[in-house]
C-alpha atoms as a PDB file:
ATOM      1  CA  MET A   1     -12.443 -14.079  16.325  1.00  0.00           C
ATOM      2  CA  VAL A   2     -12.195 -14.369  20.087  1.00  0.00           C
ATOM      3  CA  ILE A   3      -8.533 -15.320  19.679  1.00  0.00           C
ATOM      4  CA  VAL A   4      -7.980 -12.238  17.497  1.00  0.00           C
ATOM      5  CA  ALA A   5      -9.526  -9.995  20.161  1.00  0.00           C
ATOM      6  CA  VAL A   6      -7.349 -11.605  22.852  1.00  0.00           C
ATOM      7  CA  LEU A   7      -4.223 -11.113  20.708  1.00  0.00           C
ATOM      8  CA  PHE A   8      -5.037  -7.430  20.121  1.00  0.00           C
ATOM      9  CA  THR A   9      -5.563  -7.030  23.863  1.00  0.00           C
ATOM     10  CA  ALA A  10      -2.193  -8.678  24.579  1.00  0.00           C
ATOM     11  CA  VAL A  11      -0.462  -6.408  22.042  1.00  0.00           C
ATOM     12  CA  ALA A  12      -2.134  -3.376  23.639  1.00  0.00           C
ATOM     13  CA  ALA A  13      -0.925  -4.451  27.090  1.00  0.00           C
ATOM     14  CA  LEU A  14       2.620  -5.070  25.826  1.00  0.00           C
ATOM     15  CA  ALA A  15       2.714  -1.716  24.036  1.00  0.00           C
ATOM     16  CA  GLY A  16       1.413   0.013  27.169  1.00  0.00           C
ATOM     17  CA  TRP A  17       4.139  -1.661  29.210  1.00  0.00           C
ATOM     18  CA  MET A  18       6.759  -0.509  26.674  1.00  0.00           C
ATOM     19  CA  TYR A  19       5.349   3.034  26.778  1.00  0.00           C
ATOM     20  CA  MET A  20       5.608   3.184  30.565  1.00  0.00           C
ATOM     21  CA  GLY A  21       9.096   1.694  30.513  1.00  0.00           C
ATOM     22  CA  ALA A  22      10.280   4.078  27.793  1.00  0.00           C
ATOM     23  CA  ARG A  23       8.865   7.163  29.533  1.00  0.00           C
ATOM     24  CA  LYS A  24      10.427   6.217  32.849  1.00  0.00           C
ATOM     25  CA  GLY A  25      13.771   5.046  31.427  1.00  0.00           C
ATOM     26  CA  ARG A  26      13.209   1.415  32.425  1.00  0.00           C
ATOM     27  CA  LEU A  27      13.125  -0.048  28.909  1.00  0.00           C
ATOM     28  CA  THR A  28      16.750  -1.062  28.635  1.00  0.00           C
ATOM     29  CA  ARG A  29      18.538  -1.796  25.376  1.00  0.00           C
ATOM     30  CA  ASN A  30      17.646  -5.284  24.175  1.00  0.00           C
ATOM     31  CA  SER A  31      17.190  -7.253  20.975  1.00  0.00           C
ATOM     32  CA  ALA A  32      13.504  -8.119  21.495  1.00  0.00           C
ATOM     33  CA  ALA A  33      11.375  -5.051  22.295  1.00  0.00           C
ATOM     34  CA  GLY A  34      11.460  -1.435  21.256  1.00  0.00           C
ATOM     35  CA  LEU A  35      12.629   0.589  18.281  1.00  0.00           C
ATOM     36  CA  ARG A  36      15.682  -1.246  16.954  1.00  0.00           C
ATOM     37  CA  THR A  37      17.910   0.041  14.168  1.00  0.00           C
ATOM     38  CA  PRO A  38      21.713   0.020  14.091  1.00  0.00           C
ATOM     39  CA  ALA A  39      21.736   3.735  14.953  1.00  0.00           C
ATOM     40  CA  ILE A  40      19.360   3.288  17.902  1.00  0.00           C
ATOM     41  CA  MET A  41      21.198   0.196  19.163  1.00  0.00           C
ATOM     42  CA  ALA A  42      24.585   1.971  18.994  1.00  0.00           C
ATOM     43  CA  SER A  43      24.707   2.795  22.706  1.00  0.00           C
ATOM     44  CA  ASP A  44      22.672   2.796  25.891  1.00  0.00           C
ATOM     45  CA  GLU A  45      22.581   6.602  25.755  1.00  0.00           C
ATOM     46  CA  THR A  46      21.131   6.631  22.230  1.00  0.00           C
ATOM     47  CA  TRP A  47      18.615   3.926  23.144  1.00  0.00           C
ATOM     48  CA  GLU A  48      17.402   5.835  26.203  1.00  0.00           C
ATOM     49  CA  TYR A  49      17.254   9.164  24.328  1.00  0.00           C
ATOM     50  CA  VAL A  50      15.253   7.754  21.411  1.00  0.00           C
ATOM     51  CA  HIS A  51      12.874   5.666  23.505  1.00  0.00           C
ATOM     52  CA  HIS A  52      12.114   8.518  25.883  1.00  0.00           C
ATOM     53  CA  ARG A  53      11.543  10.887  22.970  1.00  0.00           C
ATOM     54  CA  TYR A  54       9.447   8.438  20.893  1.00  0.00           C
ATOM     55  CA  ALA A  55       7.502   6.740  23.695  1.00  0.00           C
ATOM     56  CA  ALA A  56       4.343   8.129  22.095  1.00  0.00           C
ATOM     57  CA  VAL A  57       4.771   5.532  19.329  1.00  0.00           C
ATOM     58  CA  PHE A  58       4.155   2.810  21.925  1.00  0.00           C
ATOM     59  CA  LEU A  59       1.204   4.723  23.393  1.00  0.00           C
ATOM     60  CA  GLY A  60      -0.344   5.025  19.931  1.00  0.00           C
ATOM     61  CA  MET A  61       0.298   1.342  19.324  1.00  0.00           C
ATOM     62  CA  ALA A  62      -1.429   0.468  22.609  1.00  0.00           C
ATOM     63  CA  MET A  63      -4.425   2.650  21.832  1.00  0.00           C
ATOM     64  CA  LEU A  64      -4.864   1.381  18.261  1.00  0.00           C
ATOM     65  CA  SER A  65      -4.473  -2.254  19.357  1.00  0.00           C
ATOM     66  CA  GLY A  66      -6.936  -1.841  22.213  1.00  0.00           C
ATOM     67  CA  LEU A  67      -9.436  -0.164  19.899  1.00  0.00           C
ATOM     68  CA  SER A  68      -8.941  -3.004  17.409  1.00  0.00           C
ATOM     69  CA  ALA A  69      -9.854  -5.533  20.101  1.00  0.00           C
ATOM     70  CA  LEU A  70     -13.032  -3.590  20.850  1.00  0.00           C
ATOM     71  CA  VAL A  71     -13.931  -3.425  17.153  1.00  0.00           C
ATOM     72  CA  VAL A  72     -13.527  -7.199  16.833  1.00  0.00           C
ATOM     73  CA  VAL A  73     -15.775  -7.799  19.845  1.00  0.00           C
ATOM     74  CA  ALA A  74     -18.389  -5.297  18.630  1.00  0.00           C
ATOM     75  CA  GLY A  75     -18.278  -6.812  15.139  1.00  0.00           C
ATOM     76  CA  CYS A  76     -18.888 -10.285  16.551  1.00  0.00           C
ATOM     77  CA  LEU A  77     -21.744  -9.078  18.712  1.00  0.00           C
ATOM     78  CA  ALA A  78     -23.321  -7.329  15.723  1.00  0.00           C
ATOM     79  CA  VAL A  79     -23.619 -10.606  13.780  1.00  0.00           C
ATOM     80  CA  HIS A  80     -24.213 -12.816  16.857  1.00  0.00           C
ATOM     81  CA  SER A  81     -21.205 -15.005  16.095  1.00  0.00           C
ATOM     82  CA  VAL A  82     -17.779 -15.673  17.563  1.00  0.00           C
ATOM     83  CA  MET A  83     -16.496 -16.927  14.192  1.00  0.00           C
ATOM     84  CA  ARG A  84     -17.031 -13.840  12.030  1.00  0.00           C
ATOM     85  CA  ILE A  85     -17.468 -10.076  12.271  1.00  0.00           C
ATOM     86  CA  ALA A  86     -19.734  -7.529  10.608  1.00  0.00           C
ATOM     87  CA  ASP A  87     -18.564  -5.970   7.346  1.00  0.00           C
ATOM     88  CA  TRP A  88     -18.356  -2.510   8.905  1.00  0.00           C
ATOM     89  CA  ALA A  89     -16.152  -3.888  11.696  1.00  0.00           C
ATOM     90  CA  PHE A  90     -13.852  -5.569   9.190  1.00  0.00           C
ATOM     91  CA  ALA A  91     -13.502  -2.296   7.229  1.00  0.00           C
ATOM     92  CA  LEU A  92     -12.794  -0.351  10.431  1.00  0.00           C
ATOM     93  CA  LEU A  93     -10.294  -2.990  11.534  1.00  0.00           C
ATOM     94  CA  MET A  94      -8.427  -2.646   8.225  1.00  0.00           C
ATOM     95  CA  LEU A  95      -8.278   1.148   8.685  1.00  0.00           C
ATOM     96  CA  LEU A  96      -6.925   0.670  12.214  1.00  0.00           C
ATOM     97  CA  MET A  97      -4.270  -1.749  10.939  1.00  0.00           C
ATOM     98  CA  LEU A  98      -3.256   0.775   8.264  1.00  0.00           C
ATOM     99  CA  ALA A  99      -2.993   3.486  10.923  1.00  0.00           C
ATOM    100  CA  LEU A 100      -0.910   1.183  13.123  1.00  0.00           C
ATOM    101  CA  TRP A 101       1.406   0.325  10.235  1.00  0.00           C
ATOM    102  CA  LEU A 102       1.844   4.021   9.334  1.00  0.00           C
ATOM    103  CA  LEU A 103       2.531   4.908  12.968  1.00  0.00           C
ATOM    104  CA  LEU A 104       5.248   2.266  13.256  1.00  0.00           C
ATOM    105  CA  VAL A 105       6.874   3.014   9.906  1.00  0.00           C
ATOM    106  CA  VAL A 106       6.858   6.809  10.215  1.00  0.00           C
ATOM    107  CA  GLY A 107       7.792   6.685  13.917  1.00  0.00           C
ATOM    108  CA  GLY A 108      10.623   4.241  13.202  1.00  0.00           C
ATOM    109  CA  ILE A 109      12.029   6.321  10.342  1.00  0.00           C
ATOM    110  CA  LYS A 110      11.915   9.527  12.398  1.00  0.00           C
ATOM    111  CA  ALA A 111      13.449   7.788  15.430  1.00  0.00           C
ATOM    112  CA  ASP A 112      16.268   6.381  13.284  1.00  0.00           C
ATOM    113  CA  LYS A 113      17.058   9.830  11.829  1.00  0.00           C
ATOM    114  CA  ASP A 114      17.013  11.327  15.310  1.00  0.00           C
ATOM    115  CA  ALA A 115      19.313   8.552  16.591  1.00  0.00           C
ATOM    116  CA  LYS A 116      21.786   9.202  13.757  1.00  0.00           C
ATOM    117  CA  ALA A 117      21.852  12.916  14.602  1.00  0.00           C
ATOM    118  CA  PHE A 118      22.273  12.135  18.321  1.00  0.00           C
ATOM    119  CA  ASN A 119      25.116   9.725  17.567  1.00  0.00           C
ATOM    120  CA  ALA A 120      26.885  12.240  15.303  1.00  0.00           C
ATOM    121  CA  LYS A 121      26.573  14.979  17.908  1.00  0.00           C
ATOM    122  CA  HIS A 122      27.984  12.745  20.660  1.00  0.00           C
ATOM    123  CA  GLY A 123      30.614  10.908  18.597  1.00  0.00           C
ATOM    124  CA  ILE A 124      28.907   7.514  18.872  1.00  0.00           C
ATOM    125  CA  LYS A 125      29.518   5.004  16.099  1.00  0.00           C
ATOM    126  CA  ALA A 126      26.783   2.551  15.243  1.00  0.00           C
ATOM    127  CA  ASP A 127      28.058  -0.991  14.875  1.00  0.00           C
ATOM    128  CA  ALA A 128      26.223  -3.841  13.246  1.00  0.00           C
ATOM    129  CA  GLY A 129      26.012  -6.017  16.347  1.00  0.00           C
ATOM    130  CA  TYR A 130      24.353  -5.488  19.694  1.00  0.00           C
END
């Protein structure tokens, strides 16, 4: 469980870094990190617009991941074990994972729709490759 807590902490740190980069315009278009759909990847302008506008998705991801790490640690402490967690902590962790999944899916769908509208307004065509 210690490894799980460390992984959640790493995800929280990465998401926080992406949030700061997106808010400040330093998260450049890439194929590894960020919201990536053909519409969002269509141009640097679309990428910057979407990531600035939807940076809160990364902030939410950081907060939920950080809270998940704390729940894992608290669950381990509650049962005095580093190999398992308390039932209440497992249930809370599953709720946090559901919230994280919903945040990413809903945020991604909304960001993609917004990118398509931005591209149409500015005459940008989305191509399949980056």
